[in-house]
Amino acid sequence: MLLGAARHLAESRAFDGTVIVIFQPAEEGGAGAKAMIDDGLFTRWPCNEVYGMHNRPNLPLGEFTIASGPIMGSVDEVKITLTGRGGHAARPEQTIDPLPMAAAFIQAAQTITSRTIDPMDNAVLSLCTIQAGNAFNVVPQDITLTGTVRTLREEVRSHIEEQLARMVDNIAAGFGGSGHLDYIRHYPVTVNHAHETMLAARAAQEVAGEDKVTLDMPPTLGGEDFSFMLNEVPGAMINIGNGPSAGLHHPAYDFNDDVIAWAVPIGPHWCASACRWADRRSGGQLQRKERGDGGFRWRDRNCGQGLRRKLRHRNSRGFAVVPAFHRDLVMGWRHMPANCFSTTPRERL
């Protein structure tokens, strides 16, 4: 999808600026977006807006969905170690058994989301693995549990971490043992910015029609490392329908190649929506000026010379044709600041 959009922009030249194509590795668990930001992505190529597109199974082909605000959850990993005193199973009085300790903790931990968080907030605490011992007649020394925490608000995220730490310490101490919590914050909440959400939706409407774009996408507690980019630069992620299919990460998931025809035009339409917005910011003084090579530039009607508009497009995901990768396209762009339409048209961005 990225290559298709880049090819269209290169051939049509329907913009005046520089297109930057970036392939981001390691979305799934590797936080590739954060690694690129840490390596200077937005300092080496400054960007005012960034847009992403995500494949959505079971949303009809040719349809899009988006919403402003939190749309995907934070992703945190928890590892709990409960330590007692191992020994022979025939002499339990000489041991501190970590298994009842873990059983009490598992039940108590579920009350964090059900009894300490506002029911209107979204949060999940799932304990998914438990490991202890390797013999049928030995009380193990310790037991390890792992799981994940997902939220849509940073305040709720911090609250769950605090509650877990308190429970681990107190429950372990109540059994005469000790506990330790490793709470690892992976991805932050993915939050769409309001204005950029509107521009992304408008671009999708121009491609698919207004009736094919919903603006009230329910949030999901799945995670996305595009959130790191949205924390740095205003932007939005839109979902594109994959048609009937197995869910993401399911072994039967199959990327629908027909999606490409719907996704490729979105990048150029993001350009067009952004240029129209810039025209409104300038008081309607921008004028599209055709170039001899088939492209165009935007001219400030108040100035005698053209002002170049450098649209910097970025993609953070170029592996759309590989079924295992379901995030298809991320593009960022740089637009003129509010005071760019001045009487100094020689200033170029």
Protein backbone atom coordinates (compact mmCIF):
# COMPACT_ATOMS: atom_id res chain seq x y z
CA MET A 1 0.00 0.00 0.00
CA LEU A 2 2.83 2.35 0.82
CA LEU A 3 4.59 1.60 -2.43
CA GLY A 4 1.35 2.10 -4.35
CA ALA A 5 0.72 5.47 -2.73
CA ALA A 6 4.34 6.51 -3.27
CA ARG A 7 4.20 5.46 -6.92
CA HIS A 8 1.00 7.44 -7.47
CA LEU A 9 2.48 10.56 -5.90
CA ALA A 10 5.70 10.16 -7.90
CA GLU A 11 3.84 9.76 -11.18
CA SER A 12 1.13 12.37 -10.67
CA ARG A 13 3.29 14.99 -8.93
CA ALA A 14 0.04 16.38 -7.49
CA PHE A 15 1.92 18.11 -4.72
CA ASP A 16 4.82 20.51 -4.34
CA GLY A 17 7.39 19.27 -1.88
CA THR A 18 9.33 16.22 -0.80
CA VAL A 19 7.86 12.78 -0.18
CA ILE A 20 9.70 10.68 2.38
CA VAL A 21 8.99 6.94 2.50
CA ILE A 22 9.93 5.15 5.73
CA PHE A 23 9.64 1.44 6.49
CA GLN A 24 9.28 0.79 10.21
CA PRO A 25 10.30 -2.60 11.62
CA ALA A 26 9.14 -4.43 14.73
CA GLU A 27 5.62 -3.18 15.33
CA GLU A 28 4.57 -6.33 17.16
CA GLY A 29 6.25 -6.18 20.54
CA GLY A 30 9.45 -4.57 19.30
CA ALA A 31 8.27 -0.95 19.58
CA GLY A 32 9.78 -0.06 16.22
CA ALA A 33 8.09 3.35 16.23
CA LYS A 34 9.76 4.26 19.52
CA ALA A 35 13.13 3.05 18.24
CA MET A 36 12.82 5.27 15.17
CA ILE A 37 11.80 8.26 17.27
CA ASP A 38 14.71 7.66 19.63
CA ASP A 39 16.98 7.54 16.57
CA GLY A 40 15.81 11.00 15.54
CA LEU A 41 12.88 10.36 13.18
CA PHE A 42 11.10 13.63 13.92
CA THR A 43 14.22 15.69 14.55
CA ARG A 44 15.87 14.70 11.27
CA TRP A 45 12.59 14.98 9.33
CA PRO A 46 10.38 17.43 11.26
CA CYS A 47 6.71 16.65 10.86
CA ASN A 48 3.59 18.59 11.80
CA GLU A 49 1.08 15.79 11.31
CA VAL A 50 1.23 12.02 11.08
CA TYR A 51 -1.42 9.61 9.83
CA GLY A 52 -1.76 5.84 10.03
CA MET A 53 -4.00 3.14 8.63
CA HIS A 54 -4.76 -0.20 10.25
CA ASN A 55 -6.36 -3.27 8.75
CA ARG A 56 -9.63 -4.30 10.48
CA PRO A 57 -10.97 -7.83 9.97
CA ASN A 58 -14.74 -8.23 9.48
CA LEU A 59 -15.23 -4.57 8.60
CA PRO A 60 -16.64 -4.71 5.04
CA LEU A 61 -14.21 -4.15 2.20
CA GLY A 62 -14.24 -0.53 1.06
CA GLU A 63 -15.35 0.82 4.43
CA PHE A 64 -13.40 2.84 6.98
CA THR A 65 -13.87 3.62 10.66
CA ILE A 66 -12.24 6.18 12.92
CA ALA A 67 -12.87 8.17 16.09
CA SER A 68 -11.26 11.01 17.95
CA GLY A 69 -9.64 10.39 21.33
CA PRO A 70 -8.40 7.07 22.76
CA ILE A 71 -8.89 4.30 20.21
CA MET A 72 -6.43 1.61 21.35
CA GLY A 73 -5.21 0.64 24.78
CA SER A 74 -1.91 0.86 26.54
CA VAL A 75 0.10 -2.38 26.62
CA ASP A 76 1.79 -3.39 29.86
CA GLU A 77 3.40 -6.65 30.97
CA VAL A 78 3.29 -7.89 34.55
CA LYS A 79 5.44 -10.54 36.15
CA ILE A 80 4.73 -11.53 39.77
CA THR A 81 7.02 -13.73 41.82
CA LEU A 82 5.69 -15.10 45.12
CA THR A 83 8.29 -16.74 47.35
CA GLY A 84 7.67 -19.08 50.26
CA ARG A 85 9.72 -21.95 51.66
CA GLY A 86 9.98 -25.19 49.76
CA GLY A 87 9.99 -28.63 51.29
CA HIS A 88 8.54 -32.13 51.29
CA ALA A 89 4.86 -32.30 50.50
CA ALA A 90 4.34 -34.76 53.35
CA ARG A 91 5.48 -32.11 55.85
CA PRO A 92 3.58 -28.96 54.81
CA GLU A 93 3.93 -27.46 58.29
CA GLN A 94 7.63 -27.02 57.61
CA THR A 95 6.99 -25.10 54.39
CA ILE A 96 5.43 -21.86 53.27
CA ASP A 97 3.44 -22.99 50.28
CA PRO A 98 3.37 -20.38 47.48
CA LEU A 99 0.46 -22.08 45.68
CA PRO A 100 -2.29 -20.97 48.11
CA MET A 101 -0.53 -17.60 48.11
CA ALA A 102 -0.93 -17.43 44.32
CA ALA A 103 -4.55 -18.60 44.46
CA ALA A 104 -5.41 -15.79 46.88
CA PHE A 105 -3.57 -13.27 44.76
CA ILE A 106 -5.30 -14.31 41.52
CA GLN A 107 -8.75 -13.87 43.05
CA ALA A 108 -7.87 -10.60 44.74
CA ALA A 109 -6.28 -9.12 41.61
CA GLN A 110 -9.57 -9.38 39.70
CA THR A 111 -11.17 -6.95 42.14
CA ILE A 112 -8.82 -4.19 40.98
CA THR A 113 -10.78 -3.68 37.77
CA SER A 114 -14.19 -4.63 39.19
CA ARG A 115 -14.06 -2.73 42.50
CA THR A 116 -11.47 0.04 42.38
CA ILE A 117 -12.00 1.53 38.90
CA ASP A 118 -14.93 3.60 37.65
CA PRO A 119 -17.18 1.25 35.62
CA MET A 120 -17.18 3.86 32.84
CA ASP A 121 -13.42 3.44 32.42
CA ASN A 122 -12.04 0.63 30.28
CA ALA A 123 -9.43 -1.64 31.81
CA VAL A 124 -8.34 -5.25 31.56
CA LEU A 125 -6.08 -7.24 33.88
CA SER A 126 -5.43 -10.73 32.54
CA LEU A 127 -3.16 -13.20 34.32
CA CYS A 128 -2.20 -15.69 31.64
CA THR A 129 0.57 -17.99 32.87
CA ILE A 130 1.48 -19.64 36.16
CA GLN A 131 4.61 -21.71 36.76
CA ALA A 132 5.77 -23.52 39.88
CA GLY A 133 7.64 -26.69 40.80
CA ASN A 134 8.47 -29.79 38.80
CA ALA A 135 7.75 -32.71 41.16
CA PHE A 136 4.48 -34.13 42.46
CA ASN A 137 5.72 -34.49 46.04
CA VAL A 138 7.63 -31.25 46.57
CA VAL A 139 6.25 -27.92 47.75
CA PRO A 140 7.95 -25.38 45.46
CA GLN A 141 10.04 -22.53 46.74
CA ASP A 142 8.36 -19.92 44.56
CA ILE A 143 5.76 -19.40 41.91
CA THR A 144 5.69 -17.00 38.94
CA LEU A 145 2.65 -15.46 37.26
CA THR A 146 2.62 -13.32 34.12
CA GLY A 147 -0.08 -11.31 32.46
CA THR A 148 -1.01 -8.06 30.81
CA VAL A 149 -2.76 -4.79 31.72
CA ARG A 150 -4.67 -2.70 29.17
CA THR A 151 -6.27 0.71 29.75
CA LEU A 152 -7.49 3.74 27.81
CA ARG A 153 -6.31 6.37 30.30
CA GLU A 154 -2.86 6.91 31.77
CA GLU A 155 -4.38 7.63 35.20
CA VAL A 156 -6.07 4.22 35.25
CA ARG A 157 -2.85 2.62 34.08
CA SER A 158 -0.91 4.08 37.03
CA HIS A 159 -3.69 3.14 39.45
CA ILE A 160 -3.57 -0.53 38.44
CA GLU A 161 0.20 -0.62 38.82
CA GLU A 162 -0.05 0.81 42.34
CA GLN A 163 -2.82 -1.60 43.35
CA LEU A 164 -0.94 -4.62 42.00
CA ALA A 165 2.22 -3.70 43.90
CA ARG A 166 0.25 -3.30 47.14
CA MET A 167 -1.52 -6.65 46.71
CA VAL A 168 1.65 -8.54 45.89
CA ASP A 169 3.36 -7.29 49.05
CA ASN A 170 0.43 -7.66 51.42
CA ILE A 171 -0.91 -11.03 50.28
CA ALA A 172 2.53 -12.60 50.26
CA ALA A 173 3.23 -11.22 53.73
CA GLY A 174 -0.10 -12.57 54.99
CA PHE A 175 1.07 -16.09 54.13
CA GLY A 176 4.50 -15.54 55.65
CA GLY A 177 6.23 -15.19 52.31
CA SER A 178 7.39 -12.35 50.10
CA GLY A 179 6.39 -11.01 46.71
CA HIS A 180 7.92 -9.02 43.88
CA LEU A 181 6.22 -7.23 40.97
CA ASP A 182 7.87 -6.39 37.67
CA TYR A 183 5.57 -3.94 35.86
CA ILE A 184 6.81 -3.23 32.34
CA ARG A 185 5.21 -0.43 30.34
CA HIS A 186 5.38 -1.27 26.65
CA TYR A 187 3.04 0.92 24.56
CA PRO A 188 1.09 4.01 25.65
CA VAL A 189 -2.57 4.63 24.85
CA THR A 190 -3.20 5.39 21.16
CA VAL A 191 -4.98 8.75 21.08
CA ASN A 192 -6.29 10.30 17.86
CA HIS A 193 -6.14 14.09 17.72
CA ALA A 194 -9.46 15.76 16.93
CA HIS A 195 -8.49 17.94 13.96
CA GLU A 196 -6.33 15.30 12.31
CA THR A 197 -9.11 12.74 12.80
CA MET A 198 -11.40 15.02 10.81
CA LEU A 199 -8.85 15.31 7.98
CA ALA A 200 -8.27 11.54 7.88
CA ALA A 201 -12.00 10.88 7.79
CA ARG A 202 -12.50 13.41 5.01
CA ALA A 203 -9.83 11.75 2.91
CA ALA A 204 -11.52 8.37 3.38
CA GLN A 205 -14.91 9.87 2.46
CA GLU A 206 -13.44 11.22 -0.78
CA VAL A 207 -12.22 7.72 -1.63
CA ALA A 208 -15.14 5.58 -0.48
CA GLY A 209 -18.08 7.96 0.02
CA GLU A 210 -19.52 9.46 3.18
CA ASP A 211 -21.77 6.46 3.87
CA LYS A 212 -18.72 4.16 3.96
CA VAL A 213 -16.89 6.02 6.74
CA THR A 214 -18.05 5.82 10.36
CA LEU A 215 -16.81 8.38 12.88
CA ASP A 216 -17.69 6.52 16.08
CA MET A 217 -15.32 3.58 16.03
CA PRO A 218 -15.48 1.84 19.43
CA PRO A 219 -12.08 1.68 21.11
CA THR A 220 -10.24 -1.58 21.53
CA LEU A 221 -7.81 -2.64 24.22
CA GLY A 222 -5.42 -4.05 21.68
CA GLY A 223 -2.20 -2.03 21.52
CA GLU A 224 -0.34 -0.15 18.80
CA ASP A 225 3.14 1.37 18.78
CA PHE A 226 1.90 4.13 16.44
CA SER A 227 0.89 5.62 19.81
CA PHE A 228 4.50 6.74 20.29
CA MET A 229 4.28 8.81 17.11
CA LEU A 230 0.96 10.34 18.16
CA ASN A 231 2.56 11.35 21.46
CA GLU A 232 5.19 13.28 19.49
CA VAL A 233 3.17 14.69 16.58
CA PRO A 234 -0.56 15.41 16.15
CA GLY A 235 -2.20 12.83 13.95
CA ALA A 236 -4.72 10.04 13.63
CA MET A 237 -5.04 6.36 12.77
CA ILE A 238 -7.93 5.15 10.63
CA ASN A 239 -9.09 1.55 10.17
CA ILE A 240 -9.75 0.04 6.74
CA GLY A 241 -12.01 -2.96 6.23
CA ASN A 242 -10.46 -6.33 5.42
CA GLY A 243 -13.81 -8.01 4.78
CA PRO A 244 -14.79 -11.33 6.41
CA SER A 245 -11.71 -12.95 7.93
CA ALA A 246 -10.19 -14.42 11.04
CA GLY A 247 -9.11 -11.92 13.68
CA LEU A 248 -5.71 -10.31 13.97
CA HIS A 249 -2.97 -12.66 15.22
CA HIS A 250 -5.16 -15.68 14.51
CA PRO A 251 -3.30 -18.38 12.54
CA ALA A 252 -6.05 -18.34 9.90
CA TYR A 253 -5.84 -14.58 9.34
CA ASP A 254 -5.41 -13.71 5.66
CA PHE A 255 -4.74 -10.23 4.31
CA ASN A 256 -7.28 -9.35 1.63
CA ASP A 257 -5.32 -8.12 -1.39
CA ASP A 258 -8.39 -6.20 -2.62
CA VAL A 259 -7.84 -3.79 0.28
CA ILE A 260 -4.85 -2.33 -1.56
CA ALA A 261 -7.05 -0.67 -4.19
CA TRP A 262 -8.92 1.19 -1.43
CA ALA A 263 -5.88 2.09 0.65
CA VAL A 264 -3.51 3.44 -2.01
CA PRO A 265 -5.59 6.59 -2.80
CA ILE A 266 -5.76 7.62 0.87
CA GLY A 267 -2.25 9.14 0.93
CA PRO A 268 -2.87 11.57 -1.93
CA HIS A 269 -6.25 12.48 -0.45
CA TRP A 270 -4.58 13.27 2.88
CA CYS A 271 -2.49 15.77 0.89
CA ALA A 272 -5.56 17.32 -0.66
CA SER A 273 -7.45 17.58 2.65
CA ALA A 274 -4.46 19.21 4.31
CA CYS A 275 -4.02 21.72 1.50
CA ARG A 276 -7.67 22.74 1.71
CA TRP A 277 -7.29 23.21 5.45
CA ALA A 278 -4.24 25.41 4.84
CA ASP A 279 -6.33 27.44 2.43
CA ARG A 280 -8.89 28.10 5.14
CA ARG A 281 -6.16 29.07 7.60
CA SER A 282 -4.92 31.62 5.11
CA GLY A 283 -8.37 33.17 4.83
CA GLY A 284 -9.05 31.55 1.47
CA GLN A 285 -6.07 33.25 -0.13
CA LEU A 286 -4.41 30.10 -1.46
CA GLN A 287 -4.72 29.37 -5.15
CA ARG A 288 -3.84 26.10 -6.87
CA LYS A 289 -1.24 26.83 -9.57
CA GLU A 290 -0.70 24.14 -12.19
CA ARG A 291 2.85 23.29 -13.20
CA GLY A 292 4.10 22.19 -16.58
CA ASP A 293 5.08 18.75 -15.31
CA GLY A 294 1.51 17.92 -14.26
CA GLY A 295 1.95 18.85 -10.63
CA PHE A 296 0.87 22.00 -8.87
CA ARG A 297 1.80 24.39 -6.11
CA TRP A 298 -0.25 26.56 -3.81
CA ARG A 299 0.04 30.31 -4.40
CA ASP A 300 -0.90 32.95 -1.84
CA ARG A 301 -3.18 35.35 -3.67
CA ASN A 302 -1.83 38.18 -1.52
CA CYS A 303 1.72 37.56 -2.70
CA GLY A 304 3.19 38.02 -6.13
CA GLN A 305 5.25 34.86 -5.92
CA GLY A 306 4.43 31.21 -5.22
CA LEU A 307 4.92 29.77 -1.78
CA ARG A 308 6.20 26.26 -1.85
CA ARG A 309 4.31 23.83 0.25
CA LYS A 310 6.53 21.00 1.40
CA LEU A 311 4.39 18.01 2.19
CA ARG A 312 6.53 15.47 3.94
CA HIS A 313 4.90 12.09 3.86
CA ARG A 314 6.04 9.24 6.03
CA ASN A 315 5.11 5.64 6.26
CA SER A 316 5.77 3.57 9.31
CA ARG A 317 4.59 0.31 7.89
CA GLY A 318 5.37 -0.94 4.40
CA PHE A 319 4.72 -4.65 4.73
CA ALA A 320 1.02 -4.65 3.87
CA VAL A 321 1.27 -7.51 1.38
CA VAL A 322 2.65 -9.86 4.03
CA PRO A 323 -0.28 -11.53 5.84
CA ALA A 324 1.43 -11.45 9.24
CA PHE A 325 1.60 -7.66 9.21
CA HIS A 326 -1.76 -5.97 9.47
CA ARG A 327 -0.81 -2.32 9.98
CA ASP A 328 -0.68 -1.10 6.43
CA LEU A 329 0.24 2.53 6.09
CA VAL A 330 1.51 5.45 8.11
CA MET A 331 2.22 8.79 6.51
CA GLY A 332 3.35 12.02 8.11
CA TRP A 333 3.58 15.42 6.54
CA ARG A 334 4.92 18.87 7.29
CA HIS A 335 2.76 21.89 6.60
CA MET A 336 3.33 25.63 6.80
CA PRO A 337 3.02 27.32 10.17
CA ALA A 338 0.18 29.75 10.80
CA ASN A 339 2.25 32.80 9.88
CA CYS A 340 3.69 31.35 6.69
CA PHE A 341 1.35 33.26 4.40
CA SER A 342 3.15 36.53 4.91
CA THR A 343 4.67 39.23 2.77
CA THR A 344 7.95 37.32 2.59
CA PRO A 345 7.12 34.76 -0.08
CA ARG A 346 10.76 33.86 -0.59
CA GLU A 347 10.74 32.02 2.73
CA ARG A 348 10.29 28.39 1.90
CA LEU A 349 9.73 25.42 4.16
